[in-house]
Amino acid sequence: MTEPYIINIGRSLGSGGRAVGRLLQKMLDIDYYDRELLNLAARESGLTPEVFAKTDEKNRFLHTLGNMVPFFGTAACYYDNGLSGESLFRIQSEAIRKAAAQKSCIFIGRCADYVLRDNPRCVNVFVTADMADRLRAVCEREGCDRQRAAALIERGDRERANYYNFYTASTWGAAETYHLCINSSVLGIEGTAAYIRDFAARKLGLILDAPDAR
């Protein structure tokens, strides 16, 4: 069996990055972590997933998370532990490293490419799309008009950039930060997923059709 490999996907809002990741999961038959990572970090720490959701890719909570943090077991029980956003990020990072060490998987966002920067078995990808397609996707998902969708895209990208740039030594969305940047409008979701799969295979020397490819 080959050593585990990781595909880390950053994405602009409305680009279809999550859909690409889910399709890659099916193509490669490997694990997938998006919001599931919050539950994994919660299990590792004993905190509730809601605690991690408050800081999830949103820089505005980094220094201001309240001291009252709920623990599993009793919804009415709170512990005054003064956890900072940095502390929660460290816990989440440990959950990422642990998952990556166990088996091949895909991580969506959460600075996983930076957390695993010393892992040679990683492929770091950024997915974007033409603005017209991003607007259309957000309108459909949120049931809103283009003006509202544009505002959501601007805010979402800003929050993701702030979160990533705060915790890493790199720049969110910049080509030099990733192994591959791809516009999903060019090939579509399926074509983009297939391109990333083939790119990962060439970078890591994988034979993806082999039974032990994962």
Protein backbone atom coordinates (compact mmCIF):
# COMPACT_ATOMS: atom_id res chain seq x y z
CA MET A 1 0.00 0.00 0.00
CA THR A 2 1.34 3.41 -0.93
CA GLU A 3 1.89 6.24 1.50
CA PRO A 4 -1.18 8.46 2.08
CA TYR A 5 -1.51 11.49 -0.14
CA ILE A 6 -3.43 14.72 0.38
CA ILE A 7 -5.22 17.13 -1.95
CA ASN A 8 -5.80 20.55 -0.37
CA ILE A 9 -8.35 22.76 -2.14
CA GLY A 10 -8.66 26.49 -1.62
CA ARG A 11 -11.51 28.17 -3.45
CA SER A 12 -13.15 31.47 -4.17
CA LEU A 13 -16.82 31.76 -3.24
CA GLY A 14 -19.12 30.43 -5.94
CA SER A 15 -16.31 28.73 -7.88
CA GLY A 16 -17.57 25.19 -7.31
CA GLY A 17 -14.54 24.21 -5.25
CA ARG A 18 -16.59 22.09 -2.88
CA ALA A 19 -18.33 20.31 -5.77
CA VAL A 20 -14.94 19.65 -7.35
CA GLY A 21 -13.70 18.22 -4.05
CA ARG A 22 -16.71 15.94 -3.67
CA LEU A 23 -16.30 14.66 -7.21
CA LEU A 24 -12.61 14.04 -6.61
CA GLN A 25 -13.54 12.08 -3.51
CA LYS A 26 -15.68 9.76 -5.63
CA MET A 27 -13.08 9.50 -8.39
CA LEU A 28 -10.27 8.62 -5.98
CA ASP A 29 -12.28 6.84 -3.27
CA ILE A 30 -10.57 8.76 -0.47
CA ASP A 31 -11.80 10.65 2.58
CA TYR A 32 -13.14 14.20 2.39
CA TYR A 33 -13.01 16.92 5.03
CA ASP A 34 -14.84 20.21 4.78
CA ARG A 35 -17.18 21.07 7.62
CA GLU A 36 -16.56 17.50 8.77
CA LEU A 37 -13.21 18.79 10.01
CA LEU A 38 -15.00 20.87 12.64
CA ASN A 39 -16.55 17.71 14.07
CA LEU A 40 -13.18 15.96 13.99
CA ALA A 41 -11.48 18.83 15.84
CA ALA A 42 -14.34 18.88 18.33
CA ARG A 43 -13.97 15.17 19.07
CA GLU A 44 -10.23 15.58 19.57
CA SER A 45 -10.63 18.51 21.96
CA GLY A 46 -13.88 17.81 23.80
CA LEU A 47 -15.36 21.10 22.59
CA THR A 48 -18.53 21.41 20.55
CA PRO A 49 -18.34 21.91 16.77
CA GLU A 50 -20.09 25.28 17.19
CA VAL A 51 -17.00 26.67 18.92
CA PHE A 52 -14.87 25.96 15.85
CA ALA A 53 -17.59 27.14 13.47
CA LYS A 54 -17.41 30.61 15.03
CA THR A 55 -13.82 31.07 13.88
CA ASP A 56 -14.04 28.98 10.73
CA GLU A 57 -12.30 30.96 7.96
CA LYS A 58 -13.55 34.22 9.49
CA ASN A 59 -10.83 36.54 10.77
CA ARG A 60 -13.27 38.78 12.61
CA PHE A 61 -13.50 36.23 15.44
CA LEU A 62 -9.78 35.58 15.84
CA HIS A 63 -9.19 37.77 18.89
CA THR A 64 -12.72 38.19 20.19
CA LEU A 65 -14.09 34.71 20.84
CA GLY A 66 -15.96 34.80 24.12
CA ASN A 67 -14.59 33.06 27.17
CA MET A 68 -17.71 30.98 27.70
CA VAL A 69 -17.09 27.79 25.73
CA PRO A 70 -19.58 24.87 25.84
CA PHE A 71 -18.29 21.34 26.30
CA PHE A 72 -19.87 18.08 25.20
CA GLY A 73 -22.16 16.31 27.61
CA THR A 74 -24.13 19.18 29.12
CA ALA A 75 -25.55 21.89 26.90
CA ALA A 76 -25.99 24.15 29.92
CA CYS A 77 -22.44 23.65 31.19
CA TYR A 78 -19.83 26.27 30.22
CA TYR A 79 -16.19 26.56 31.09
CA ASP A 80 -14.35 29.87 31.34
CA ASN A 81 -11.17 28.88 29.53
CA GLY A 82 -10.35 32.01 27.54
CA LEU A 83 -9.66 30.07 24.33
CA SER A 84 -8.38 32.35 21.59
CA GLY A 85 -8.82 31.92 17.88
CA GLU A 86 -5.17 30.92 17.72
CA SER A 87 -5.77 28.12 20.24
CA LEU A 88 -8.70 26.80 18.25
CA PHE A 89 -6.64 26.98 15.08
CA ARG A 90 -3.90 24.89 16.72
CA ILE A 91 -6.46 22.28 17.78
CA GLN A 92 -7.92 22.18 14.27
CA SER A 93 -4.42 21.93 12.79
CA GLU A 94 -3.65 18.90 14.95
CA ALA A 95 -6.85 17.27 13.72
CA ILE A 96 -5.75 17.94 10.12
CA ARG A 97 -2.31 16.42 10.71
CA LYS A 98 -3.78 13.37 12.41
CA ALA A 99 -6.27 12.73 9.60
CA ALA A 100 -3.58 13.24 6.94
CA ALA A 101 -1.27 10.74 8.63
CA GLN A 102 -3.90 8.00 8.68
CA LYS A 103 -5.13 7.82 5.09
CA SER A 104 -5.37 9.68 1.81
CA CYS A 105 -7.89 12.52 1.88
CA ILE A 106 -9.10 15.84 0.53
CA PHE A 107 -9.23 18.99 2.66
CA ILE A 108 -11.35 21.97 1.68
CA GLY A 109 -9.94 25.27 2.99
CA ARG A 110 -8.99 25.62 6.68
CA CYS A 111 -5.37 26.47 5.73
CA ALA A 112 -4.72 22.76 5.33
CA ASP A 113 -2.06 23.41 2.69
CA TYR A 114 -0.12 25.52 5.19
CA VAL A 115 -0.68 23.14 8.09
CA LEU A 116 0.70 20.30 5.95
CA ARG A 117 3.43 22.39 4.29
CA ASP A 118 6.15 19.94 5.35
CA ASN A 119 4.28 16.93 3.94
CA PRO A 120 5.75 16.04 0.51
CA ARG A 121 2.66 14.00 -0.37
CA CYS A 122 0.41 17.06 -0.76
CA VAL A 123 -1.08 18.68 -3.82
CA ASN A 124 -2.25 22.24 -3.17
CA VAL A 125 -4.91 23.59 -5.51
CA PHE A 126 -6.86 26.84 -5.78
CA VAL A 127 -10.18 26.80 -7.66
CA THR A 128 -11.74 29.97 -9.02
CA ALA A 129 -14.24 30.71 -11.81
CA ASP A 130 -15.44 33.49 -14.07
CA MET A 131 -17.40 36.10 -12.11
CA ALA A 132 -20.53 35.50 -14.20
CA ASP A 133 -20.51 31.83 -13.20
CA ARG A 134 -19.78 32.66 -9.57
CA LEU A 135 -22.68 35.09 -9.46
CA ARG A 136 -24.99 32.54 -11.04
CA ALA A 137 -23.97 29.85 -8.57
CA VAL A 138 -24.48 32.07 -5.53
CA CYS A 139 -27.84 33.34 -6.83
CA GLU A 140 -29.04 29.75 -7.23
CA ARG A 141 -27.73 28.61 -3.88
CA GLU A 142 -28.93 31.58 -1.84
CA GLY A 143 -32.05 32.40 -3.83
CA CYS A 144 -30.98 36.03 -4.23
CA ASP A 145 -30.43 38.58 -6.98
CA ARG A 146 -27.09 39.40 -8.59
CA GLN A 147 -26.52 42.48 -6.44
CA ARG A 148 -26.88 40.46 -3.25
CA ALA A 149 -24.75 37.66 -4.70
CA ALA A 150 -21.98 40.12 -5.55
CA ALA A 151 -21.99 41.40 -1.97
CA LEU A 152 -21.84 37.84 -0.60
CA ILE A 153 -18.93 36.99 -2.89
CA GLU A 154 -17.01 40.08 -1.89
CA ARG A 155 -17.52 39.41 1.81
CA GLY A 156 -16.87 35.68 1.54
CA ASP A 157 -13.62 36.11 -0.36
CA ARG A 158 -12.48 38.81 2.04
CA GLU A 159 -13.13 36.63 5.09
CA ARG A 160 -11.35 33.65 3.56
CA ALA A 161 -8.38 35.81 2.57
CA ASN A 162 -8.19 37.43 6.01
CA TYR A 163 -8.30 34.05 7.74
CA TYR A 164 -5.69 32.48 5.46
CA ASN A 165 -3.34 35.45 5.40
CA PHE A 166 -3.51 35.83 9.20
CA TYR A 167 -2.46 32.24 9.94
CA THR A 168 -0.02 31.53 7.11
CA ALA A 169 3.08 33.00 5.56
CA SER A 170 1.42 32.99 2.13
CA THR A 171 -1.28 34.90 0.25
CA TRP A 172 -4.75 33.45 -0.32
CA GLY A 173 -5.50 33.01 -4.02
CA ALA A 174 -2.01 34.00 -5.22
CA ALA A 175 -0.56 31.66 -7.83
CA GLU A 176 2.76 31.24 -6.01
CA THR A 177 0.93 29.86 -2.97
CA TYR A 178 -0.32 26.72 -4.76
CA HIS A 179 0.88 23.94 -7.01
CA LEU A 180 -2.07 24.47 -9.33
CA CYS A 181 -4.59 27.28 -9.87
CA ILE A 182 -7.53 26.42 -12.08
CA ASN A 183 -10.62 28.19 -13.44
CA SER A 184 -13.57 25.82 -13.22
CA SER A 185 -15.45 27.82 -15.87
CA VAL A 186 -13.04 26.52 -18.52
CA LEU A 187 -13.53 22.77 -18.09
CA GLY A 188 -16.63 22.63 -15.91
CA ILE A 189 -16.86 20.85 -12.55
CA GLU A 190 -16.28 17.34 -13.89
CA GLY A 191 -13.46 18.41 -16.20
CA THR A 192 -11.80 20.40 -13.41
CA ALA A 193 -11.96 17.44 -11.03
CA ALA A 194 -10.50 15.14 -13.69
CA TYR A 195 -7.70 17.62 -14.43
CA ILE A 196 -6.78 17.88 -10.73
CA ARG A 197 -6.87 14.09 -10.41
CA ASP A 198 -4.45 13.70 -13.32
CA PHE A 199 -2.24 16.52 -12.06
CA ALA A 200 -2.05 14.90 -8.62
CA ALA A 201 -1.18 11.55 -10.17
CA ARG A 202 1.71 13.06 -12.13
CA LYS A 203 3.02 15.15 -9.23
CA LEU A 204 2.98 12.29 -6.75
CA GLY A 205 3.72 9.41 -9.10
CA LEU A 206 0.43 7.70 -8.40
CA ILE A 207 -1.15 4.89 -10.41
CA LEU A 208 -4.72 5.82 -9.56
CA ASP A 209 -6.34 2.77 -11.12
CA ALA A 210 -4.32 0.43 -8.93
CA PRO A 211 -6.14 -1.14 -5.95
CA ASP A 212 -3.56 0.25 -3.53
CA ALA A 213 -3.56 3.80 -4.95
CA ARG A 214 -4.91 5.26 -1.74
